[in-house]
Amino acid sequence: MSISAAYMRPRSRSESFKVNMIASIDYAKEHLDGQQSKEFYRNTTTLAFHLTCLILASSA
């Protein structure tokens, strides 16, 4: 899973951020039981959402 965001700051060149998250549903399915797999997926997607919000907020 990866998140990419780009923004333009006043009087500055554009910058882009890429946050790579090592989160694989296949890995979770192979190495975790059903409940752990669901929690793993939920936690990584929640983290991805919060990182996206942080990146967008820092560009404001």
PDB file of N, CA and C in Angstrom:
ATOM      1  N   MET A   1       0.854  -1.157   0.000  1.00  0.00           N
ATOM      2  CA  MET A   1       0.000   0.000   0.000  1.00  0.00           C
ATOM      3  C   MET A   1       0.899   1.219   0.000  1.00  0.00           C
ATOM      4  N   SER A   2       0.594   2.190  -0.805  1.00  0.00           N
ATOM      5  CA  SER A   2       1.363   3.428  -0.767  1.00  0.00           C
ATOM      6  C   SER A   2       0.433   4.612  -0.939  1.00  0.00           C
ATOM      7  N   ILE A   3       0.858   5.717  -0.386  1.00  0.00           N
ATOM      8  CA  ILE A   3       0.097   6.950  -0.472  1.00  0.00           C
ATOM      9  C   ILE A   3       0.989   7.963  -1.145  1.00  0.00           C
ATOM     10  N   SER A   4       0.469   8.670  -2.112  1.00  0.00           N
ATOM     11  CA  SER A   4       1.236   9.734  -2.754  1.00  0.00           C
ATOM     12  C   SER A   4       0.450  11.026  -2.637  1.00  0.00           C
ATOM     13  N   ALA A   5       1.152  12.096  -2.311  1.00  0.00           N
ATOM     14  CA  ALA A   5       0.502  13.402  -2.238  1.00  0.00           C
ATOM     15  C   ALA A   5       1.483  14.440  -2.735  1.00  0.00           C
ATOM     16  N   ALA A   6       0.978  15.438  -3.408  1.00  0.00           N
ATOM     17  CA  ALA A   6       1.827  16.525  -3.893  1.00  0.00           C
ATOM     18  C   ALA A   6       1.125  17.836  -3.602  1.00  0.00           C
ATOM     19  N   TYR A   7       1.910  18.861  -3.335  1.00  0.00           N
ATOM     20  CA  TYR A   7       1.325  20.170  -3.105  1.00  0.00           C
ATOM     21  C   TYR A   7       2.315  21.240  -3.513  1.00  0.00           C
ATOM     22  N   MET A   8       1.821  22.462  -3.644  1.00  0.00           N
ATOM     23  CA  MET A   8       2.661  23.591  -4.033  1.00  0.00           C
ATOM     24  C   MET A   8       2.671  24.586  -2.882  1.00  0.00           C
ATOM     25  N   ARG A   9       3.840  24.953  -2.427  1.00  0.00           N
ATOM     26  CA  ARG A   9       3.955  25.972  -1.388  1.00  0.00           C
ATOM     27  C   ARG A   9       4.238  27.311  -2.051  1.00  0.00           C
ATOM     28  N   PRO A  10       3.768  28.397  -1.471  1.00  0.00           N
ATOM     29  CA  PRO A  10       4.068  29.712  -2.044  1.00  0.00           C
ATOM     30  C   PRO A  10       5.578  29.943  -2.118  1.00  0.00           C
ATOM     31  N   ARG A  11       6.045  30.488  -3.218  1.00  0.00           N
ATOM     32  CA  ARG A  11       7.460  30.807  -3.442  1.00  0.00           C
ATOM     33  C   ARG A  11       8.370  29.587  -3.282  1.00  0.00           C
ATOM     34  N   SER A  12       7.874  28.467  -3.660  1.00  0.00           N
ATOM     35  CA  SER A  12       8.671  27.254  -3.533  1.00  0.00           C
ATOM     36  C   SER A  12       8.334  26.316  -4.680  1.00  0.00           C
ATOM     37  N   ARG A  13       9.264  25.444  -4.968  1.00  0.00           N
ATOM     38  CA  ARG A  13       8.976  24.436  -5.988  1.00  0.00           C
ATOM     39  C   ARG A  13       8.025  23.397  -5.401  1.00  0.00           C
ATOM     40  N   SER A  14       7.393  22.675  -6.256  1.00  0.00           N
ATOM     41  CA  SER A  14       6.452  21.668  -5.747  1.00  0.00           C
ATOM     42  C   SER A  14       7.231  20.553  -5.067  1.00  0.00           C
ATOM     43  N   GLU A  15       6.615  19.983  -4.122  1.00  0.00           N
ATOM     44  CA  GLU A  15       7.214  18.871  -3.399  1.00  0.00           C
ATOM     45  C   GLU A  15       6.233  17.710  -3.430  1.00  0.00           C
ATOM     46  N   SER A  16       6.756  16.555  -3.432  1.00  0.00           N
ATOM     47  CA  SER A  16       5.860  15.409  -3.341  1.00  0.00           C
ATOM     48  C   SER A  16       6.332  14.494  -2.235  1.00  0.00           C
ATOM     49  N   PHE A  17       5.402  13.874  -1.618  1.00  0.00           N
ATOM     50  CA  PHE A  17       5.667  12.945  -0.539  1.00  0.00           C
ATOM     51  C   PHE A  17       5.161  11.587  -0.977  1.00  0.00           C
ATOM     52  N   LYS A  18       5.879  10.590  -0.644  1.00  0.00           N
ATOM     53  CA  LYS A  18       5.385   9.242  -0.876  1.00  0.00           C
ATOM     54  C   LYS A  18       5.657   8.453   0.388  1.00  0.00           C
ATOM     55  N   VAL A  19       4.630   7.911   0.927  1.00  0.00           N
ATOM     56  CA  VAL A  19       4.740   7.113   2.132  1.00  0.00           C
ATOM     57  C   VAL A  19       4.468   5.677   1.727  1.00  0.00           C
ATOM     58  N   ASN A  20       5.452   4.843   1.885  1.00  0.00           N
ATOM     59  CA  ASN A  20       5.269   3.436   1.543  1.00  0.00           C
ATOM     60  C   ASN A  20       4.929   2.666   2.805  1.00  0.00           C
ATOM     61  N   MET A  21       3.892   1.909   2.718  1.00  0.00           N
ATOM     62  CA  MET A  21       3.497   1.092   3.842  1.00  0.00           C
ATOM     63  C   MET A  21       3.604  -0.363   3.427  1.00  0.00           C
ATOM     64  N   ILE A  22       4.303  -1.118   4.212  1.00  0.00           N
ATOM     65  CA  ILE A  22       4.437  -2.537   3.919  1.00  0.00           C
ATOM     66  C   ILE A  22       3.241  -3.227   4.566  1.00  0.00           C
ATOM     67  N   ALA A  23       2.204  -3.313   3.797  1.00  0.00           N
ATOM     68  CA  ALA A  23       0.975  -3.913   4.286  1.00  0.00           C
ATOM     69  C   ALA A  23       0.397  -4.751   3.164  1.00  0.00           C
ATOM     70  N   SER A  24       0.448  -6.013   3.327  1.00  0.00           N
ATOM     71  CA  SER A  24      -0.017  -6.913   2.289  1.00  0.00           C
ATOM     72  C   SER A  24      -1.158  -7.776   2.808  1.00  0.00           C
ATOM     73  N   ILE A  25      -2.255  -7.723   2.095  1.00  0.00           N
ATOM     74  CA  ILE A  25      -3.386  -8.562   2.473  1.00  0.00           C
ATOM     75  C   ILE A  25      -3.016 -10.031   2.321  1.00  0.00           C
ATOM     76  N   ASP A  26      -2.245 -10.357   1.288  1.00  0.00           N
ATOM     77  CA  ASP A  26      -1.812 -11.738   1.107  1.00  0.00           C
ATOM     78  C   ASP A  26      -0.968 -12.199   2.288  1.00  0.00           C
ATOM     79  N   TYR A  27      -0.062 -11.328   2.765  1.00  0.00           N
ATOM     80  CA  TYR A  27       0.763 -11.678   3.926  1.00  0.00           C
ATOM     81  C   TYR A  27      -0.140 -11.935   5.122  1.00  0.00           C
ATOM     82  N   ALA A  28      -1.096 -11.041   5.334  1.00  0.00           N
ATOM     83  CA  ALA A  28      -1.997 -11.183   6.474  1.00  0.00           C
ATOM     84  C   ALA A  28      -2.779 -12.487   6.384  1.00  0.00           C
ATOM     85  N   LYS A  29      -3.245 -12.816   5.185  1.00  0.00           N
ATOM     86  CA  LYS A  29      -4.016 -14.047   5.014  1.00  0.00           C
ATOM     87  C   LYS A  29      -3.169 -15.283   5.293  1.00  0.00           C
ATOM     88  N   GLU A  30      -1.896 -15.225   4.890  1.00  0.00           N
ATOM     89  CA  GLU A  30      -1.027 -16.387   5.049  1.00  0.00           C
ATOM     90  C   GLU A  30      -0.524 -16.565   6.475  1.00  0.00           C
ATOM     91  N   HIS A  31      -0.273 -15.461   7.181  1.00  0.00           N
ATOM     92  CA  HIS A  31       0.421 -15.549   8.459  1.00  0.00           C
ATOM     93  C   HIS A  31      -0.424 -15.216   9.682  1.00  0.00           C
ATOM     94  N   LEU A  32      -1.618 -14.731   9.487  1.00  0.00           N
ATOM     95  CA  LEU A  32      -2.460 -14.367  10.610  1.00  0.00           C
ATOM     96  C   LEU A  32      -3.783 -15.108  10.518  1.00  0.00           C
ATOM     97  N   ASP A  33      -4.408 -15.326  11.692  1.00  0.00           N
ATOM     98  CA  ASP A  33      -5.731 -15.949  11.636  1.00  0.00           C
ATOM     99  C   ASP A  33      -6.758 -14.907  11.188  1.00  0.00           C
ATOM    100  N   GLY A  34      -7.991 -15.300  11.024  1.00  0.00           N
ATOM    101  CA  GLY A  34      -9.028 -14.424  10.478  1.00  0.00           C
ATOM    102  C   GLY A  34      -9.177 -13.101  11.207  1.00  0.00           C
ATOM    103  N   GLN A  35      -9.281 -13.151  12.546  1.00  0.00           N
ATOM    104  CA  GLN A  35      -9.476 -11.921  13.316  1.00  0.00           C
ATOM    105  C   GLN A  35      -8.237 -11.033  13.248  1.00  0.00           C
ATOM    106  N   GLN A  36      -7.047 -11.610  13.373  1.00  0.00           N
ATOM    107  CA  GLN A  36      -5.810 -10.826  13.292  1.00  0.00           C
ATOM    108  C   GLN A  36      -5.665 -10.185  11.920  1.00  0.00           C
ATOM    109  N   SER A  37      -6.051 -10.916  10.878  1.00  0.00           N
ATOM    110  CA  SER A  37      -5.970 -10.393   9.519  1.00  0.00           C
ATOM    111  C   SER A  37      -6.872  -9.171   9.356  1.00  0.00           C
ATOM    112  N   LYS A  38      -8.084  -9.234   9.892  1.00  0.00           N
ATOM    113  CA  LYS A  38      -9.010  -8.099   9.815  1.00  0.00           C
ATOM    114  C   LYS A  38      -8.461  -6.897  10.579  1.00  0.00           C
ATOM    115  N   GLU A  39      -7.902  -7.144  11.765  1.00  0.00           N
ATOM    116  CA  GLU A  39      -7.343  -6.054  12.570  1.00  0.00           C
ATOM    117  C   GLU A  39      -6.136  -5.435  11.875  1.00  0.00           C
ATOM    118  N   PHE A  40      -5.293  -6.271  11.282  1.00  0.00           N
ATOM    119  CA  PHE A  40      -4.115  -5.795  10.554  1.00  0.00           C
ATOM    120  C   PHE A  40      -4.533  -4.874   9.417  1.00  0.00           C
ATOM    121  N   TYR A  41      -5.520  -5.296   8.645  1.00  0.00           N
ATOM    122  CA  TYR A  41      -5.997  -4.495   7.516  1.00  0.00           C
ATOM    123  C   TYR A  41      -6.622  -3.189   8.005  1.00  0.00           C
ATOM    124  N   ARG A  42      -7.461  -3.275   9.038  1.00  0.00           N
ATOM    125  CA  ARG A  42      -8.117  -2.080   9.572  1.00  0.00           C
ATOM    126  C   ARG A  42      -7.084  -1.089  10.107  1.00  0.00           C
ATOM    127  N   ASN A  43      -6.086  -1.573  10.835  1.00  0.00           N
ATOM    128  CA  ASN A  43      -5.065  -0.688  11.394  1.00  0.00           C
ATOM    129  C   ASN A  43      -4.227  -0.023  10.314  1.00  0.00           C
ATOM    130  N   THR A  44      -3.857  -0.753   9.266  1.00  0.00           N
ATOM    131  CA  THR A  44      -3.029  -0.157   8.213  1.00  0.00           C
ATOM    132  C   THR A  44      -3.822   0.838   7.379  1.00  0.00           C
ATOM    133  N   THR A  45      -5.099   0.569   7.134  1.00  0.00           N
ATOM    134  CA  THR A  45      -5.892   1.538   6.373  1.00  0.00           C
ATOM    135  C   THR A  45      -6.167   2.784   7.207  1.00  0.00           C
ATOM    136  N   THR A  46      -6.355   2.625   8.513  1.00  0.00           N
ATOM    137  CA  THR A  46      -6.534   3.782   9.397  1.00  0.00           C
ATOM    138  C   THR A  46      -5.268   4.620   9.418  1.00  0.00           C
ATOM    139  N   LEU A  47      -4.115   3.980   9.504  1.00  0.00           N
ATOM    140  CA  LEU A  47      -2.843   4.700   9.483  1.00  0.00           C
ATOM    141  C   LEU A  47      -2.666   5.434   8.162  1.00  0.00           C
ATOM    142  N   ALA A  48      -3.011   4.793   7.065  1.00  0.00           N
ATOM    143  CA  ALA A  48      -2.898   5.429   5.751  1.00  0.00           C
ATOM    144  C   ALA A  48      -3.778   6.672   5.680  1.00  0.00           C
ATOM    145  N   PHE A  49      -4.977   6.589   6.219  1.00  0.00           N
ATOM    146  CA  PHE A  49      -5.886   7.737   6.229  1.00  0.00           C
ATOM    147  C   PHE A  49      -5.298   8.889   7.035  1.00  0.00           C
ATOM    148  N   HIS A  50      -4.781   8.588   8.229  1.00  0.00           N
ATOM    149  CA  HIS A  50      -4.217   9.639   9.083  1.00  0.00           C
ATOM    150  C   HIS A  50      -2.971  10.268   8.463  1.00  0.00           C
ATOM    151  N   LEU A  51      -2.147   9.477   7.826  1.00  0.00           N
ATOM    152  CA  LEU A  51      -0.965  10.028   7.154  1.00  0.00           C
ATOM    153  C   LEU A  51      -1.368  10.942   6.005  1.00  0.00           C
ATOM    154  N   THR A  52      -2.388  10.559   5.262  1.00  0.00           N
ATOM    155  CA  THR A  52      -2.874  11.404   4.173  1.00  0.00           C
ATOM    156  C   THR A  52      -3.381  12.734   4.717  1.00  0.00           C
ATOM    157  N   CYS A  53      -4.145  12.698   5.800  1.00  0.00           N
ATOM    158  CA  CYS A  53      -4.642  13.936   6.417  1.00  0.00           C
ATOM    159  C   CYS A  53      -3.492  14.808   6.896  1.00  0.00           C
ATOM    160  N   LEU A  54      -2.480  14.208   7.489  1.00  0.00           N
ATOM    161  CA  LEU A  54      -1.324  14.959   7.973  1.00  0.00           C
ATOM    162  C   LEU A  54      -0.587  15.632   6.821  1.00  0.00           C
ATOM    163  N   ILE A  55      -0.390  14.913   5.737  1.00  0.00           N
ATOM    164  CA  ILE A  55       0.301  15.472   4.569  1.00  0.00           C
ATOM    165  C   ILE A  55      -0.506  16.625   3.984  1.00  0.00           C
ATOM    166  N   LEU A  56      -1.810  16.437   3.851  1.00  0.00           N
ATOM    167  CA  LEU A  56      -2.650  17.494   3.288  1.00  0.00           C
ATOM    168  C   LEU A  56      -2.715  18.708   4.213  1.00  0.00           C
ATOM    169  N   ALA A  57      -2.755  18.483   5.519  1.00  0.00           N
ATOM    170  CA  ALA A  57      -2.796  19.595   6.472  1.00  0.00           C
ATOM    171  C   ALA A  57      -1.495  20.390   6.446  1.00  0.00           C
ATOM    172  N   SER A  58      -0.382  19.711   6.250  1.00  0.00           N
ATOM    173  CA  SER A  58       0.907  20.414   6.234  1.00  0.00           C
ATOM    174  C   SER A  58       1.072  21.253   4.976  1.00  0.00           C
ATOM    175  N   SER A  59       0.268  20.979   3.961  1.00  0.00           N
ATOM    176  CA  SER A  59       0.372  21.756   2.725  1.00  0.00           C
ATOM    177  C   SER A  59      -0.482  23.017   2.768  1.00  0.00           C
ATOM    178  N   ALA A  60      -1.351  23.118   3.759  1.00  0.00           N
ATOM    179  CA  ALA A  60      -2.254  24.280   3.846  1.00  0.00           C
ATOM    180  C   ALA A  60      -1.540  25.516   4.354  1.00  0.00           C
TER     181      ALA A  60
END
